[in-house]
Amino acid sequence: MIWSIDPPIWAGAYRVAVLSEKQVATQRFRSVQFFLGEKEPRLIVLSTGTTMSATDLEGRVWDRDAVERRFPGAWSALEARLKAMG
């Protein structure tokens, strides 16, 4: 599994980012190579600058530990990306 952070945006006083999951596959048919890709949003992340929260698309809140179990390294990457917005 590959995860990525979509470019964050401002929404009022909040910084908003989306954590997406990506999958890539290849197939070969005779002399032709096919590449297939899929990207699905998994978490919406809000930051006020001092706090950060993550919610999945069904509305369930994820804490830092849950995010790190499913997407290793994502929490600190999200913190850095959102703080870099100013």
PDB file of N, CA and C in Angstrom:
ATOM      1  N   MET A   1       0.832  -1.172   0.000  1.00  0.00           N
ATOM      2  CA  MET A   1       0.000   0.000   0.000  1.00  0.00           C
ATOM      3  C   MET A   1       0.883   1.245   0.000  1.00  0.00           C
ATOM      4  N   ILE A   2       0.484   2.194  -0.785  1.00  0.00           N
ATOM      5  CA  ILE A   2       1.170   3.476  -0.863  1.00  0.00           C
ATOM      6  C   ILE A   2       0.177   4.541  -0.420  1.00  0.00           C
ATOM      7  N   TRP A   3       0.618   5.446   0.454  1.00  0.00           N
ATOM      8  CA  TRP A   3      -0.259   6.552   0.840  1.00  0.00           C
ATOM      9  C   TRP A   3       0.359   7.861   0.393  1.00  0.00           C
ATOM     10  N   SER A   4      -0.500   8.865   0.248  1.00  0.00           N
ATOM     11  CA  SER A   4      -0.011  10.191  -0.127  1.00  0.00           C
ATOM     12  C   SER A   4      -0.895  11.249   0.522  1.00  0.00           C
ATOM     13  N   ILE A   5      -0.338  12.444   0.632  1.00  0.00           N
ATOM     14  CA  ILE A   5      -1.077  13.579   1.172  1.00  0.00           C
ATOM     15  C   ILE A   5      -1.379  14.519   0.007  1.00  0.00           C
ATOM     16  N   ASP A   6      -2.654  14.765  -0.213  1.00  0.00           N
ATOM     17  CA  ASP A   6      -3.027  15.723  -1.258  1.00  0.00           C
ATOM     18  C   ASP A   6      -2.647  17.128  -0.793  1.00  0.00           C
ATOM     19  N   PRO A   7      -2.421  18.050  -1.715  1.00  0.00           N
ATOM     20  CA  PRO A   7      -2.045  19.409  -1.310  1.00  0.00           C
ATOM     21  C   PRO A   7      -3.058  20.005  -0.334  1.00  0.00           C
ATOM     22  N   PRO A   8      -2.591  20.448   0.838  1.00  0.00           N
ATOM     23  CA  PRO A   8      -3.518  21.013   1.825  1.00  0.00           C
ATOM     24  C   PRO A   8      -4.050  22.376   1.399  1.00  0.00           C
ATOM     25  N   ILE A   9      -5.209  22.708   1.941  1.00  0.00           N
ATOM     26  CA  ILE A   9      -5.851  23.990   1.647  1.00  0.00           C
ATOM     27  C   ILE A   9      -6.272  24.654   2.959  1.00  0.00           C
ATOM     28  N   TRP A  10      -6.568  25.947   2.894  1.00  0.00           N
ATOM     29  CA  TRP A  10      -7.152  26.672   4.009  1.00  0.00           C
ATOM     30  C   TRP A  10      -8.668  26.627   3.873  1.00  0.00           C
ATOM     31  N   ALA A  11      -9.366  26.414   4.985  1.00  0.00           N
ATOM     32  CA  ALA A  11     -10.828  26.507   5.034  1.00  0.00           C
ATOM     33  C   ALA A  11     -11.158  27.306   6.286  1.00  0.00           C
ATOM     34  N   GLY A  12     -11.292  28.598   6.139  1.00  0.00           N
ATOM     35  CA  GLY A  12     -11.471  29.469   7.298  1.00  0.00           C
ATOM     36  C   GLY A  12     -10.217  29.438   8.151  1.00  0.00           C
ATOM     37  N   ALA A  13     -10.374  29.117   9.425  1.00  0.00           N
ATOM     38  CA  ALA A  13      -9.235  29.055  10.350  1.00  0.00           C
ATOM     39  C   ALA A  13      -8.546  27.692  10.335  1.00  0.00           C
ATOM     40  N   TYR A  14      -9.049  26.762   9.528  1.00  0.00           N
ATOM     41  CA  TYR A  14      -8.518  25.401   9.513  1.00  0.00           C
ATOM     42  C   TYR A  14      -7.623  25.141   8.306  1.00  0.00           C
ATOM     43  N   ARG A  15      -6.617  24.345   8.534  1.00  0.00           N
ATOM     44  CA  ARG A  15      -5.830  23.769   7.442  1.00  0.00           C
ATOM     45  C   ARG A  15      -6.411  22.381   7.205  1.00  0.00           C
ATOM     46  N   VAL A  16      -6.668  22.052   5.954  1.00  0.00           N
ATOM     47  CA  VAL A  16      -7.325  20.794   5.630  1.00  0.00           C
ATOM     48  C   VAL A  16      -6.466  20.013   4.646  1.00  0.00           C
ATOM     49  N   ALA A  17      -6.264  18.725   4.953  1.00  0.00           N
ATOM     50  CA  ALA A  17      -5.528  17.843   4.047  1.00  0.00           C
ATOM     51  C   ALA A  17      -6.285  16.528   3.919  1.00  0.00           C
ATOM     52  N   VAL A  18      -6.023  15.826   2.846  1.00  0.00           N
ATOM     53  CA  VAL A  18      -6.630  14.515   2.626  1.00  0.00           C
ATOM     54  C   VAL A  18      -5.508  13.496   2.476  1.00  0.00           C
ATOM     55  N   LEU A  19      -5.628  12.419   3.230  1.00  0.00           N
ATOM     56  CA  LEU A  19      -4.692  11.307   3.120  1.00  0.00           C
ATOM     57  C   LEU A  19      -5.343  10.266   2.215  1.00  0.00           C
ATOM     58  N   SER A  20      -4.667   9.927   1.134  1.00  0.00           N
ATOM     59  CA  SER A  20      -5.216   8.986   0.153  1.00  0.00           C
ATOM     60  C   SER A  20      -4.367   7.728   0.093  1.00  0.00           C
ATOM     61  N   GLU A  21      -5.008   6.654  -0.293  1.00  0.00           N
ATOM     62  CA  GLU A  21      -4.326   5.379  -0.483  1.00  0.00           C
ATOM     63  C   GLU A  21      -4.239   5.109  -1.982  1.00  0.00           C
ATOM     64  N   LYS A  22      -3.078   4.649  -2.427  1.00  0.00           N
ATOM     65  CA  LYS A  22      -2.875   4.390  -3.853  1.00  0.00           C
ATOM     66  C   LYS A  22      -2.478   2.937  -4.067  1.00  0.00           C
ATOM     67  N   GLN A  23      -2.895   2.423  -5.197  1.00  0.00           N
ATOM     68  CA  GLN A  23      -2.479   1.088  -5.614  1.00  0.00           C
ATOM     69  C   GLN A  23      -2.098   1.151  -7.080  1.00  0.00           C
ATOM     70  N   VAL A  24      -1.014   0.492  -7.404  1.00  0.00           N
ATOM     71  CA  VAL A  24      -0.540   0.464  -8.784  1.00  0.00           C
ATOM     72  C   VAL A  24      -0.301  -0.992  -9.163  1.00  0.00           C
ATOM     73  N   ALA A  25      -0.694  -1.358 -10.359  1.00  0.00           N
ATOM     74  CA  ALA A  25      -0.485  -2.723 -10.844  1.00  0.00           C
ATOM     75  C   ALA A  25      -0.078  -2.663 -12.320  1.00  0.00           C
ATOM     76  N   THR A  26       0.613  -3.680 -12.751  1.00  0.00           N
ATOM     77  CA  THR A  26       0.978  -3.789 -14.161  1.00  0.00           C
ATOM     78  C   THR A  26       0.539  -5.145 -14.687  1.00  0.00           C
ATOM     79  N   GLN A  27       0.239  -5.168 -15.953  1.00  0.00           N
ATOM     80  CA  GLN A  27      -0.096  -6.417 -16.636  1.00  0.00           C
ATOM     81  C   GLN A  27       0.539  -6.394 -18.008  1.00  0.00           C
ATOM     82  N   ARG A  28       0.912  -7.548 -18.462  1.00  0.00           N
ATOM     83  CA  ARG A  28       1.493  -7.657 -19.791  1.00  0.00           C
ATOM     84  C   ARG A  28       0.619  -8.595 -20.623  1.00  0.00           C
ATOM     85  N   PHE A  29       0.281  -8.133 -21.815  1.00  0.00           N
ATOM     86  CA  PHE A  29      -0.479  -8.943 -22.755  1.00  0.00           C
ATOM     87  C   PHE A  29       0.272  -8.924 -24.069  1.00  0.00           C
ATOM     88  N   ARG A  30       0.824 -10.055 -24.419  1.00  0.00           N
ATOM     89  CA  ARG A  30       1.695 -10.182 -25.586  1.00  0.00           C
ATOM     90  C   ARG A  30       2.836  -9.180 -25.482  1.00  0.00           C
ATOM     91  N   SER A  31       2.910  -8.218 -26.354  1.00  0.00           N
ATOM     92  CA  SER A  31       4.026  -7.267 -26.309  1.00  0.00           C
ATOM     93  C   SER A  31       3.618  -5.913 -25.716  1.00  0.00           C
ATOM     94  N   VAL A  32       2.437  -5.852 -25.099  1.00  0.00           N
ATOM     95  CA  VAL A  32       1.942  -4.593 -24.563  1.00  0.00           C
ATOM     96  C   VAL A  32       1.936  -4.648 -23.038  1.00  0.00           C
ATOM     97  N   GLN A  33       2.494  -3.613 -22.424  1.00  0.00           N
ATOM     98  CA  GLN A  33       2.510  -3.495 -20.959  1.00  0.00           C
ATOM     99  C   GLN A  33       1.430  -2.501 -20.538  1.00  0.00           C
ATOM    100  N   PHE A  34       0.562  -2.895 -19.619  1.00  0.00           N
ATOM    101  CA  PHE A  34      -0.501  -2.036 -19.106  1.00  0.00           C
ATOM    102  C   PHE A  34      -0.186  -1.632 -17.675  1.00  0.00           C
ATOM    103  N   PHE A  35      -0.459  -0.390 -17.338  1.00  0.00           N
ATOM    104  CA  PHE A  35      -0.305   0.115 -15.978  1.00  0.00           C
ATOM    105  C   PHE A  35      -1.669   0.561 -15.488  1.00  0.00           C
ATOM    106  N   LEU A  36      -2.049   0.075 -14.337  1.00  0.00           N
ATOM    107  CA  LEU A  36      -3.341   0.414 -13.755  1.00  0.00           C
ATOM    108  C   LEU A  36      -3.106   1.097 -12.416  1.00  0.00           C
ATOM    109  N   GLY A  37      -3.813   2.175 -12.162  1.00  0.00           N
ATOM    110  CA  GLY A  37      -3.660   2.884 -10.903  1.00  0.00           C
ATOM    111  C   GLY A  37      -5.000   3.253 -10.306  1.00  0.00           C
ATOM    112  N   GLU A  38      -5.008   3.341  -9.002  1.00  0.00           N
ATOM    113  CA  GLU A  38      -6.225   3.688  -8.283  1.00  0.00           C
ATOM    114  C   GLU A  38      -5.834   4.550  -7.087  1.00  0.00           C
ATOM    115  N   LYS A  39      -6.613   5.575  -6.809  1.00  0.00           N
ATOM    116  CA  LYS A  39      -6.360   6.452  -5.677  1.00  0.00           C
ATOM    117  C   LYS A  39      -7.686   6.700  -4.968  1.00  0.00           C
ATOM    118  N   GLU A  40      -7.703   6.443  -3.654  1.00  0.00           N
ATOM    119  CA  GLU A  40      -8.930   6.624  -2.891  1.00  0.00           C
ATOM    120  C   GLU A  40      -8.650   7.432  -1.631  1.00  0.00           C
ATOM    121  N   PRO A  41      -9.446   8.471  -1.375  1.00  0.00           N
ATOM    122  CA  PRO A  41      -9.276   9.217  -0.130  1.00  0.00           C
ATOM    123  C   PRO A  41      -9.637   8.331   1.052  1.00  0.00           C
ATOM    124  N   ARG A  42      -8.860   8.435   2.129  1.00  0.00           N
ATOM    125  CA  ARG A  42      -9.116   7.632   3.329  1.00  0.00           C
ATOM    126  C   ARG A  42      -9.413   8.478   4.555  1.00  0.00           C
ATOM    127  N   LEU A  43      -8.660   9.582   4.738  1.00  0.00           N
ATOM    128  CA  LEU A  43      -8.844  10.419   5.924  1.00  0.00           C
ATOM    129  C   LEU A  43      -8.874  11.896   5.552  1.00  0.00           C
ATOM    130  N   ILE A  44      -9.713  12.651   6.238  1.00  0.00           N
ATOM    131  CA  ILE A  44      -9.718  14.103   6.146  1.00  0.00           C
ATOM    132  C   ILE A  44      -9.059  14.600   7.425  1.00  0.00           C
ATOM    133  N   VAL A  45      -8.055  15.431   7.276  1.00  0.00           N
ATOM    134  CA  VAL A  45      -7.275  15.890   8.429  1.00  0.00           C
ATOM    135  C   VAL A  45      -7.447  17.397   8.582  1.00  0.00           C
ATOM    136  N   LEU A  46      -7.806  17.826   9.793  1.00  0.00           N
ATOM    137  CA  LEU A  46      -7.984  19.242  10.104  1.00  0.00           C
ATOM    138  C   LEU A  46      -6.944  19.664  11.120  1.00  0.00           C
ATOM    139  N   SER A  47      -6.411  20.867  10.947  1.00  0.00           N
ATOM    140  CA  SER A  47      -5.438  21.401  11.887  1.00  0.00           C
ATOM    141  C   SER A  47      -5.759  22.862  12.164  1.00  0.00           C
ATOM    142  N   THR A  48      -5.621  23.244  13.432  1.00  0.00           N
ATOM    143  CA  THR A  48      -5.798  24.641  13.817  1.00  0.00           C
ATOM    144  C   THR A  48      -4.444  25.311  13.999  1.00  0.00           C
ATOM    145  N   GLY A  49      -3.378  24.553  13.839  1.00  0.00           N
ATOM    146  CA  GLY A  49      -2.033  25.050  14.085  1.00  0.00           C
ATOM    147  C   GLY A  49      -1.464  24.487  15.375  1.00  0.00           C
ATOM    148  N   THR A  50      -2.341  24.224  16.355  1.00  0.00           N
ATOM    149  CA  THR A  50      -1.883  23.632  17.611  1.00  0.00           C
ATOM    150  C   THR A  50      -2.432  22.226  17.811  1.00  0.00           C
ATOM    151  N   THR A  51      -3.541  21.918  17.183  1.00  0.00           N
ATOM    152  CA  THR A  51      -4.120  20.575  17.287  1.00  0.00           C
ATOM    153  C   THR A  51      -4.397  20.031  15.896  1.00  0.00           C
ATOM    154  N   MET A  52      -4.462  18.709  15.822  1.00  0.00           N
ATOM    155  CA  MET A  52      -4.739  18.060  14.544  1.00  0.00           C
ATOM    156  C   MET A  52      -5.674  16.891  14.807  1.00  0.00           C
ATOM    157  N   SER A  53      -6.645  16.690  13.931  1.00  0.00           N
ATOM    158  CA  SER A  53      -7.565  15.559  14.057  1.00  0.00           C
ATOM    159  C   SER A  53      -7.789  14.938  12.691  1.00  0.00           C
ATOM    160  N   ALA A  54      -8.059  13.637  12.706  1.00  0.00           N
ATOM    161  CA  ALA A  54      -8.296  12.897  11.467  1.00  0.00           C
ATOM    162  C   ALA A  54      -9.640  12.187  11.557  1.00  0.00           C
ATOM    163  N   THR A  55     -10.389  12.246  10.461  1.00  0.00           N
ATOM    164  CA  THR A  55     -11.698  11.618  10.391  1.00  0.00           C
ATOM    165  C   THR A  55     -11.794  10.853   9.081  1.00  0.00           C
ATOM    166  N   ASP A  56     -12.339   9.625   9.132  1.00  0.00           N
ATOM    167  CA  ASP A  56     -12.500   8.889   7.880  1.00  0.00           C
ATOM    168  C   ASP A  56     -13.780   9.340   7.182  1.00  0.00           C
ATOM    169  N   LEU A  57     -14.030   8.789   6.020  1.00  0.00           N
ATOM    170  CA  LEU A  57     -15.166   9.250   5.211  1.00  0.00           C
ATOM    171  C   LEU A  57     -16.519   8.835   5.782  1.00  0.00           C
ATOM    172  N   GLU A  58     -16.503   7.921   6.767  1.00  0.00           N
ATOM    173  CA  GLU A  58     -17.742   7.529   7.445  1.00  0.00           C
ATOM    174  C   GLU A  58     -17.974   8.346   8.706  1.00  0.00           C
ATOM    175  N   GLY A  59     -17.051   9.279   9.024  1.00  0.00           N
ATOM    176  CA  GLY A  59     -17.219  10.148  10.175  1.00  0.00           C
ATOM    177  C   GLY A  59     -16.558   9.661  11.453  1.00  0.00           C
ATOM    178  N   ARG A  60     -15.843   8.536  11.386  1.00  0.00           N
ATOM    179  CA  ARG A  60     -15.154   8.029  12.576  1.00  0.00           C
ATOM    180  C   ARG A  60     -13.859   8.795  12.802  1.00  0.00           C
ATOM    181  N   VAL A  61     -13.604   9.172  14.041  1.00  0.00           N
ATOM    182  CA  VAL A  61     -12.385   9.892  14.398  1.00  0.00           C
ATOM    183  C   VAL A  61     -11.258   8.892  14.619  1.00  0.00           C
ATOM    184  N   TRP A  62     -10.093   9.189  14.043  1.00  0.00           N
ATOM    185  CA  TRP A  62      -8.905   8.356  14.200  1.00  0.00           C
ATOM    186  C   TRP A  62      -7.905   9.106  15.072  1.00  0.00           C
ATOM    187  N   ASP A  63      -7.346   8.427  16.067  1.00  0.00           N
ATOM    188  CA  ASP A  63      -6.285   9.062  16.847  1.00  0.00           C
ATOM    189  C   ASP A  63      -4.938   8.797  16.178  1.00  0.00           C
ATOM    190  N   ARG A  64      -3.908   9.411  16.731  1.00  0.00           N
ATOM    191  CA  ARG A  64      -2.566   9.298  16.158  1.00  0.00           C
ATOM    192  C   ARG A  64      -2.120   7.843  16.002  1.00  0.00           C
ATOM    193  N   ASP A  65      -2.354   7.031  17.041  1.00  0.00           N
ATOM    194  CA  ASP A  65      -1.929   5.626  16.997  1.00  0.00           C
ATOM    195  C   ASP A  65      -2.623   4.850  15.880  1.00  0.00           C
ATOM    196  N   ALA A  66      -3.925   5.092  15.698  1.00  0.00           N
ATOM    197  CA  ALA A  66      -4.667   4.395  14.643  1.00  0.00           C
ATOM    198  C   ALA A  66      -4.159   4.786  13.261  1.00  0.00           C
ATOM    199  N   VAL A  67      -3.880   6.077  13.081  1.00  0.00           N
ATOM    200  CA  VAL A  67      -3.347   6.541  11.787  1.00  0.00           C
ATOM    201  C   VAL A  67      -1.991   5.900  11.525  1.00  0.00           C
ATOM    202  N   GLU A  68      -1.125   5.876  12.539  1.00  0.00           N
ATOM    203  CA  GLU A  68       0.220   5.316  12.364  1.00  0.00           C
ATOM    204  C   GLU A  68       0.206   3.813  12.121  1.00  0.00           C
ATOM    205  N   ARG A  69      -0.746   3.109  12.730  1.00  0.00           N
ATOM    206  CA  ARG A  69      -0.846   1.652  12.476  1.00  0.00           C
ATOM    207  C   ARG A  69      -1.204   1.372  11.018  1.00  0.00           C
ATOM    208  N   ARG A  70      -2.129   2.143  10.486  1.00  0.00           N
ATOM    209  CA  ARG A  70      -2.602   1.897   9.113  1.00  0.00           C
ATOM    210  C   ARG A  70      -1.705   2.546   8.063  1.00  0.00           C
ATOM    211  N   PHE A  71      -1.175   3.739   8.394  1.00  0.00           N
ATOM    212  CA  PHE A  71      -0.353   4.509   7.447  1.00  0.00           C
ATOM    213  C   PHE A  71       0.948   4.928   8.141  1.00  0.00           C
ATOM    214  N   PRO A  72       1.923   4.025   8.260  1.00  0.00           N
ATOM    215  CA  PRO A  72       3.153   4.334   9.003  1.00  0.00           C
ATOM    216  C   PRO A  72       3.842   5.607   8.493  1.00  0.00           C
ATOM    217  N   GLY A  73       4.159   6.497   9.448  1.00  0.00           N
ATOM    218  CA  GLY A  73       4.840   7.746   9.120  1.00  0.00           C
ATOM    219  C   GLY A  73       3.932   8.883   8.696  1.00  0.00           C
ATOM    220  N   ALA A  74       2.634   8.613   8.543  1.00  0.00           N
ATOM    221  CA  ALA A  74       1.718   9.624   8.003  1.00  0.00           C
ATOM    222  C   ALA A  74       1.448  10.772   8.970  1.00  0.00           C
ATOM    223  N   TRP A  75       1.320  10.481  10.266  1.00  0.00           N
ATOM    224  CA  TRP A  75       0.957  11.547  11.212  1.00  0.00           C
ATOM    225  C   TRP A  75       2.005  12.653  11.228  1.00  0.00           C
ATOM    226  N   SER A  76       3.277  12.282  11.372  1.00  0.00           N
ATOM    227  CA  SER A  76       4.324  13.305  11.406  1.00  0.00           C
ATOM    228  C   SER A  76       4.463  14.006  10.059  1.00  0.00           C
ATOM    229  N   ALA A  77       4.237  13.282   8.961  1.00  0.00           N
ATOM    230  CA  ALA A  77       4.274  13.918   7.629  1.00  0.00           C
ATOM    231  C   ALA A  77       3.136  14.925   7.493  1.00  0.00           C
ATOM    232  N   LEU A  78       1.967  14.575   8.003  1.00  0.00           N
ATOM    233  CA  LEU A  78       0.832  15.496   7.971  1.00  0.00           C
ATOM    234  C   LEU A  78       1.101  16.719   8.835  1.00  0.00           C
ATOM    235  N   GLU A  79       1.639  16.513  10.034  1.00  0.00           N
ATOM    236  CA  GLU A  79       1.956  17.646  10.905  1.00  0.00           C
ATOM    237  C   GLU A  79       2.916  18.612  10.212  1.00  0.00           C
ATOM    238  N   ALA A  80       3.976  18.073   9.626  1.00  0.00           N
ATOM    239  CA  ALA A  80       4.971  18.913   8.945  1.00  0.00           C
ATOM    240  C   ALA A  80       4.352  19.651   7.765  1.00  0.00           C
ATOM    241  N   ARG A  81       3.556  18.956   6.992  1.00  0.00           N
ATOM    242  CA  ARG A  81       2.951  19.566   5.804  1.00  0.00           C
ATOM    243  C   ARG A  81       1.981  20.681   6.176  1.00  0.00           C
ATOM    244  N   LEU A  82       1.174  20.447   7.209  1.00  0.00           N
ATOM    245  CA  LEU A  82       0.195  21.452   7.623  1.00  0.00           C
ATOM    246  C   LEU A  82       0.863  22.636   8.317  1.00  0.00           C
ATOM    247  N   LYS A  83       1.897  22.387   9.116  1.00  0.00           N
ATOM    248  CA  LYS A  83       2.606  23.490   9.778  1.00  0.00           C
ATOM    249  C   LYS A  83       3.350  24.363   8.771  1.00  0.00           C
ATOM    250  N   ALA A  84       3.803  23.753   7.677  1.00  0.00           N
ATOM    251  CA  ALA A  84       4.534  24.495   6.642  1.00  0.00           C
ATOM    252  C   ALA A  84       3.644  25.527   5.938  1.00  0.00           C
ATOM    253  N   MET A  85       2.326  25.388   6.089  1.00  0.00           N
ATOM    254  CA  MET A  85       1.412  26.345   5.464  1.00  0.00           C
ATOM    255  C   MET A  85       1.452  27.700   6.170  1.00  0.00           C
ATOM    256  N   GLY A  86       1.993  27.726   7.379  1.00  0.00           N
ATOM    257  CA  GLY A  86       2.078  28.998   8.113  1.00  0.00           C
ATOM    258  C   GLY A  86       1.017  29.174   9.147  1.00  0.00           C
TER     259      GLY A  86
END
